[in-house]
Protein backbone atom coordinates (compact mmCIF):
# COMPACT_ATOMS: atom_id res chain seq x y z
CA MET A 1 103.41 97.06 110.24
CA ASN A 2 106.19 94.86 111.53
CA LEU A 3 105.11 91.30 110.76
CA GLY A 4 107.47 89.83 113.35
CA LEU A 5 106.18 91.53 116.48
CA PRO A 6 107.31 89.82 119.71
CA HIS A 7 103.90 89.59 121.41
CA LEU A 8 101.48 90.10 118.53
CA ASP A 9 100.92 88.51 115.15
CA GLY A 10 101.59 91.28 112.61
CA PHE A 11 99.29 89.64 110.06
CA ALA A 12 96.38 89.57 112.50
CA ALA A 13 97.18 93.09 113.71
CA THR A 14 97.01 94.34 110.11
CA GLU A 15 93.60 92.70 109.65
CA GLN A 16 92.33 94.19 112.93
CA ILE A 17 93.52 97.69 112.06
CA LEU A 18 91.94 97.56 108.62
CA ALA A 19 88.67 96.28 110.05
CA HIS A 20 88.33 99.57 111.96
CA GLN A 21 90.36 102.17 110.03
CA ASP A 22 90.63 103.29 106.42
CA VAL A 23 94.42 103.37 106.26
CA ALA A 24 97.16 101.95 104.07
CA VAL A 25 99.42 99.39 105.73
CA ALA A 26 102.89 98.55 104.48
CA ALA A 27 104.53 95.42 105.88
CA LEU A 28 108.02 95.77 107.35
CA THR A 29 109.55 92.33 107.45
CA GLY A 30 112.65 90.21 107.33
CA ARG A 31 110.59 87.46 105.72
CA SER A 32 111.28 87.33 102.01
CA ASP A 33 109.50 84.08 101.25
CA SER A 34 106.51 84.29 98.94
CA VAL A 35 104.20 82.61 101.46
CA SER A 36 104.75 85.37 104.05
CA LEU A 37 104.55 88.19 101.50
CA ASP A 38 101.37 86.73 100.00
CA ARG A 39 99.91 86.34 103.50
CA ALA A 40 100.73 90.00 104.23
CA ALA A 41 98.96 91.06 101.02
CA ARG A 42 95.91 88.93 101.89
CA ALA A 43 95.87 90.56 105.35
CA GLY A 44 95.63 93.92 103.60
CA ALA A 45 99.20 95.21 103.29
CA VAL A 46 99.43 97.29 100.12
CA ASP A 47 103.22 97.00 99.86
CA HIS A 48 106.21 95.67 101.80
CA VAL A 49 109.73 96.67 102.75
CA LEU A 50 112.29 93.97 103.49
CA LYS A 51 114.60 94.33 106.49
CA PRO A 52 117.20 95.55 106.75
CA PHE A 53 116.12 98.64 104.85
CA SER A 54 117.45 102.12 104.36
CA ASP A 55 115.55 105.26 105.28
CA GLY A 56 115.41 106.03 101.57
CA LYS A 57 113.73 102.72 100.73
CA LEU A 58 111.14 103.17 103.49
CA VAL A 59 110.40 106.75 102.47
CA ALA A 60 110.16 105.77 98.78
CA THR A 61 107.73 102.92 99.52
CA LEU A 62 105.53 105.02 101.79
CA SER A 63 105.59 107.92 99.33
CA HIS A 64 104.44 105.57 96.57
CA VAL A 65 101.61 104.22 98.74
CA LEU A 66 100.52 107.74 99.68
CA ALA A 67 100.65 108.95 96.07
CA GLU A 68 98.43 106.06 94.95
CA ARG A 69 95.90 106.71 97.73
CA HIS A 70 95.99 110.44 97.02
CA ALA A 71 95.40 109.86 93.28
CA THR A 72 92.37 107.68 93.99
CA GLY A 73 90.95 110.07 96.60
CA ALA A 74 91.35 107.44 99.30
CA LEU A 75 93.25 109.70 101.69
CA ARG A 76 91.26 111.15 104.50
CA ARG A 77 92.15 114.69 105.46
CA HIS A 78 94.01 114.12 108.70
CA PRO A 79 97.02 116.42 108.55
CA TRP A 80 99.69 114.16 110.07
CA ALA A 81 100.36 110.59 111.05
CA CYS A 82 103.61 109.82 112.84
CA GLY A 83 105.63 106.75 113.56
CA PHE A 84 109.16 106.37 114.81
CA GLU A 85 111.19 109.25 113.31
CA PHE A 86 108.87 109.80 110.35
CA GLY A 87 106.00 112.20 109.82
CA VAL A 88 103.45 111.72 107.06
CA ASP A 89 101.64 114.73 105.65
CA LEU A 90 98.41 113.27 104.28
CA THR A 91 97.26 116.57 102.82
CA PHE A 92 100.22 116.80 100.47
CA ALA A 93 100.96 113.04 100.35
CA GLY A 94 104.52 113.63 101.54
CA ILE A 95 106.87 112.12 104.08
CA SER A 96 109.55 113.73 106.19
CA ARG A 97 112.20 112.24 108.43
CA MET A 98 112.96 114.30 111.51
CA GLY A 99 111.86 117.45 109.73
CA ARG A 100 113.55 116.75 106.38
CA GLU A 101 111.41 116.15 103.31
CA GLY A 102 111.69 112.65 101.89
């Protein structure tokens, strides 16, 4: 979740999503101050990635989040979730970028 959305509060959007869906949310943000990162965690973000970030950092963070949810049995068995250029295979807790495994 981008915390700095132009027409929507990313913190509130995270809370709204989590009120209706059992998903993991990672915050994507240029805000590195502890107040913003703590607020993201209180909203329900399980991890964060600071902008600018590399594809590798994003894939590593999301892979870590997925592995934790997979280990605890928290993943639901939806085969794919997609965003931007990334695909997330929830069955195998893996991430690919434009068809390449991450």
